[in-house]
Amino acid sequence: MVTILVTMTVRPEDAPEFEATLDALMPFLRETEPDTLRFDYYRVGKQDGVYRLFEVYASREAFDFHINNPATESQRSTFKRLLTGPTEVQFLTALGGK
């Protein structure tokens, strides 16, 4: 299993387009990525334009497919245009929980 936390930042005025793009991405993920187990996004409180994505994949192969999924090329292009800095990706190691 691969679990990641992604941080993305956009200009506050671009936040509605960014969120709409993420919303549009969800059906593509459900249709084309059965091994994407979780894909949630959050707006960071008191940090306009900062978002965190929590993603869980069944395997490294599933993660690699997600990164290169041709069905999501349009959304990736929009993200690249809207982002104000580099995307931070942190790979997480589960230690416990429920």
C-alpha atoms as a PDB file:
ATOM      1  CA  MET A   1       0.000   0.000   0.000  1.00  0.00           C
ATOM      2  CA  VAL A   2       1.177   3.526  -0.819  1.00  0.00           C
ATOM      3  CA  THR A   3      -0.079   6.487   1.213  1.00  0.00           C
ATOM      4  CA  ILE A   4       0.842  10.060   0.375  1.00  0.00           C
ATOM      5  CA  LEU A   5       0.108  13.570   1.548  1.00  0.00           C
ATOM      6  CA  VAL A   6       0.344  16.185  -1.176  1.00  0.00           C
ATOM      7  CA  THR A   7       0.504  19.950  -0.640  1.00  0.00           C
ATOM      8  CA  MET A   8      -0.500  22.244  -3.504  1.00  0.00           C
ATOM      9  CA  THR A   9      -0.745  26.038  -3.455  1.00  0.00           C
ATOM     10  CA  VAL A  10      -2.685  28.315  -5.803  1.00  0.00           C
ATOM     11  CA  ARG A  11      -3.475  32.019  -5.778  1.00  0.00           C
ATOM     12  CA  PRO A  12      -6.615  32.625  -3.682  1.00  0.00           C
ATOM     13  CA  GLU A  13      -8.423  34.012  -6.727  1.00  0.00           C
ATOM     14  CA  ASP A  14      -7.759  30.715  -8.555  1.00  0.00           C
ATOM     15  CA  ALA A  15      -9.127  28.572  -5.718  1.00  0.00           C
ATOM     16  CA  PRO A  16     -12.627  28.134  -7.228  1.00  0.00           C
ATOM     17  CA  GLU A  17     -11.182  26.844 -10.526  1.00  0.00           C
ATOM     18  CA  PHE A  18      -8.739  24.605  -8.668  1.00  0.00           C
ATOM     19  CA  GLU A  19     -11.514  23.089  -6.550  1.00  0.00           C
ATOM     20  CA  ALA A  20     -13.770  22.630  -9.589  1.00  0.00           C
ATOM     21  CA  THR A  21     -10.928  20.818 -11.351  1.00  0.00           C
ATOM     22  CA  LEU A  22     -10.461  18.491  -8.386  1.00  0.00           C
ATOM     23  CA  ASP A  23     -14.218  17.848  -8.303  1.00  0.00           C
ATOM     24  CA  ALA A  24     -14.173  17.006 -12.014  1.00  0.00           C
ATOM     25  CA  LEU A  25     -11.255  14.635 -11.449  1.00  0.00           C
ATOM     26  CA  MET A  26     -13.168  12.391  -9.032  1.00  0.00           C
ATOM     27  CA  PRO A  27     -15.364  10.569 -11.591  1.00  0.00           C
ATOM     28  CA  PHE A  28     -12.301   9.810 -13.747  1.00  0.00           C
ATOM     29  CA  LEU A  29     -10.506   8.319 -10.753  1.00  0.00           C
ATOM     30  CA  ARG A  30     -13.494   6.149  -9.861  1.00  0.00           C
ATOM     31  CA  GLU A  31     -13.842   4.938 -13.465  1.00  0.00           C
ATOM     32  CA  THR A  32     -10.225   4.368 -14.401  1.00  0.00           C
ATOM     33  CA  GLU A  33      -8.335   3.728 -11.154  1.00  0.00           C
ATOM     34  CA  PRO A  34      -9.876   0.872  -9.167  1.00  0.00           C
ATOM     35  CA  ASP A  35      -6.685   0.600  -7.090  1.00  0.00           C
ATOM     36  CA  THR A  36      -6.891   4.199  -5.921  1.00  0.00           C
ATOM     37  CA  LEU A  37      -8.372   3.401  -2.543  1.00  0.00           C
ATOM     38  CA  ARG A  38      -8.714   6.932  -1.241  1.00  0.00           C
ATOM     39  CA  PHE A  39      -8.375  10.393  -2.743  1.00  0.00           C
ATOM     40  CA  ASP A  40      -9.508  13.228  -0.484  1.00  0.00           C
ATOM     41  CA  TYR A  41      -8.680  16.898  -0.657  1.00  0.00           C
ATOM     42  CA  TYR A  42      -8.782  19.582   2.000  1.00  0.00           C
ATOM     43  CA  ARG A  43      -8.398  23.335   2.132  1.00  0.00           C
ATOM     44  CA  VAL A  44      -5.901  24.304   4.848  1.00  0.00           C
ATOM     45  CA  GLY A  45      -7.545  26.615   7.381  1.00  0.00           C
ATOM     46  CA  LYS A  46      -6.258  30.194   7.532  1.00  0.00           C
ATOM     47  CA  GLN A  47      -3.925  29.597   4.570  1.00  0.00           C
ATOM     48  CA  ASP A  48      -5.756  30.862   1.505  1.00  0.00           C
ATOM     49  CA  GLY A  49      -4.967  28.836  -1.575  1.00  0.00           C
ATOM     50  CA  VAL A  50      -3.210  25.972   0.254  1.00  0.00           C
ATOM     51  CA  TYR A  51      -4.599  22.465  -0.231  1.00  0.00           C
ATOM     52  CA  ARG A  52      -3.691  19.018   1.045  1.00  0.00           C
ATOM     53  CA  LEU A  53      -4.553  15.806  -0.762  1.00  0.00           C
ATOM     54  CA  PHE A  54      -4.612  12.524   1.126  1.00  0.00           C
ATOM     55  CA  GLU A  55      -4.209   9.598  -1.254  1.00  0.00           C
ATOM     56  CA  VAL A  56      -4.012   5.844  -0.722  1.00  0.00           C
ATOM     57  CA  TYR A  57      -3.121   3.350  -3.448  1.00  0.00           C
ATOM     58  CA  ALA A  58      -3.206  -0.449  -3.350  1.00  0.00           C
ATOM     59  CA  SER A  59       0.374  -0.660  -4.680  1.00  0.00           C
ATOM     60  CA  ARG A  60       3.245   1.318  -6.147  1.00  0.00           C
ATOM     61  CA  GLU A  61       1.993   0.282  -9.588  1.00  0.00           C
ATOM     62  CA  ALA A  62      -1.408   1.829  -8.830  1.00  0.00           C
ATOM     63  CA  PHE A  63       0.293   5.063  -7.734  1.00  0.00           C
ATOM     64  CA  ASP A  64       2.440   5.107 -10.889  1.00  0.00           C
ATOM     65  CA  PHE A  65      -0.660   4.578 -13.029  1.00  0.00           C
ATOM     66  CA  HIS A  66      -2.400   7.475 -11.266  1.00  0.00           C
ATOM     67  CA  ILE A  67       0.526   9.793 -11.992  1.00  0.00           C
ATOM     68  CA  ASN A  68       0.431   8.907 -15.703  1.00  0.00           C
ATOM     69  CA  ASN A  69      -3.288   8.200 -16.203  1.00  0.00           C
ATOM     70  CA  PRO A  70      -4.169   9.491 -19.697  1.00  0.00           C
ATOM     71  CA  ALA A  71      -7.777  10.066 -18.592  1.00  0.00           C
ATOM     72  CA  THR A  72      -6.644  12.847 -16.245  1.00  0.00           C
ATOM     73  CA  GLU A  73      -4.309  14.769 -18.569  1.00  0.00           C
ATOM     74  CA  SER A  74      -6.695  17.731 -18.825  1.00  0.00           C
ATOM     75  CA  GLN A  75      -6.811  18.158 -15.052  1.00  0.00           C
ATOM     76  CA  ARG A  76      -3.021  17.834 -14.724  1.00  0.00           C
ATOM     77  CA  SER A  77      -2.601  20.627 -17.283  1.00  0.00           C
ATOM     78  CA  THR A  78      -4.956  22.858 -15.322  1.00  0.00           C
ATOM     79  CA  PHE A  79      -3.114  22.137 -12.071  1.00  0.00           C
ATOM     80  CA  LYS A  80       0.221  23.045 -13.673  1.00  0.00           C
ATOM     81  CA  ARG A  81      -1.233  26.347 -14.861  1.00  0.00           C
ATOM     82  CA  LEU A  82      -2.772  27.240 -11.489  1.00  0.00           C
ATOM     83  CA  LEU A  83      -0.027  26.176  -9.081  1.00  0.00           C
ATOM     84  CA  THR A  84       2.118  28.964  -7.653  1.00  0.00           C
ATOM     85  CA  GLY A  85       4.966  26.732  -6.547  1.00  0.00           C
ATOM     86  CA  PRO A  86       6.206  23.175  -6.497  1.00  0.00           C
ATOM     87  CA  THR A  87       3.923  20.353  -5.422  1.00  0.00           C
ATOM     88  CA  GLU A  88       5.145  18.754  -2.205  1.00  0.00           C
ATOM     89  CA  VAL A  89       4.639  14.985  -2.008  1.00  0.00           C
ATOM     90  CA  GLN A  90       5.268  13.141   1.252  1.00  0.00           C
ATOM     91  CA  PHE A  91       5.156   9.353   1.402  1.00  0.00           C
ATOM     92  CA  LEU A  92       3.659   8.232   4.702  1.00  0.00           C
ATOM     93  CA  THR A  93       4.287   5.092   6.737  1.00  0.00           C
ATOM     94  CA  ALA A  94       1.334   3.830   8.756  1.00  0.00           C
ATOM     95  CA  LEU A  95       2.201   3.149  12.375  1.00  0.00           C
ATOM     96  CA  GLY A  96      -1.244   2.296  13.693  1.00  0.00           C
ATOM     97  CA  GLY A  97      -4.749   3.572  13.932  1.00  0.00           C
ATOM     98  CA  LYS A  98      -8.280   2.558  13.295  1.00  0.00           C
END
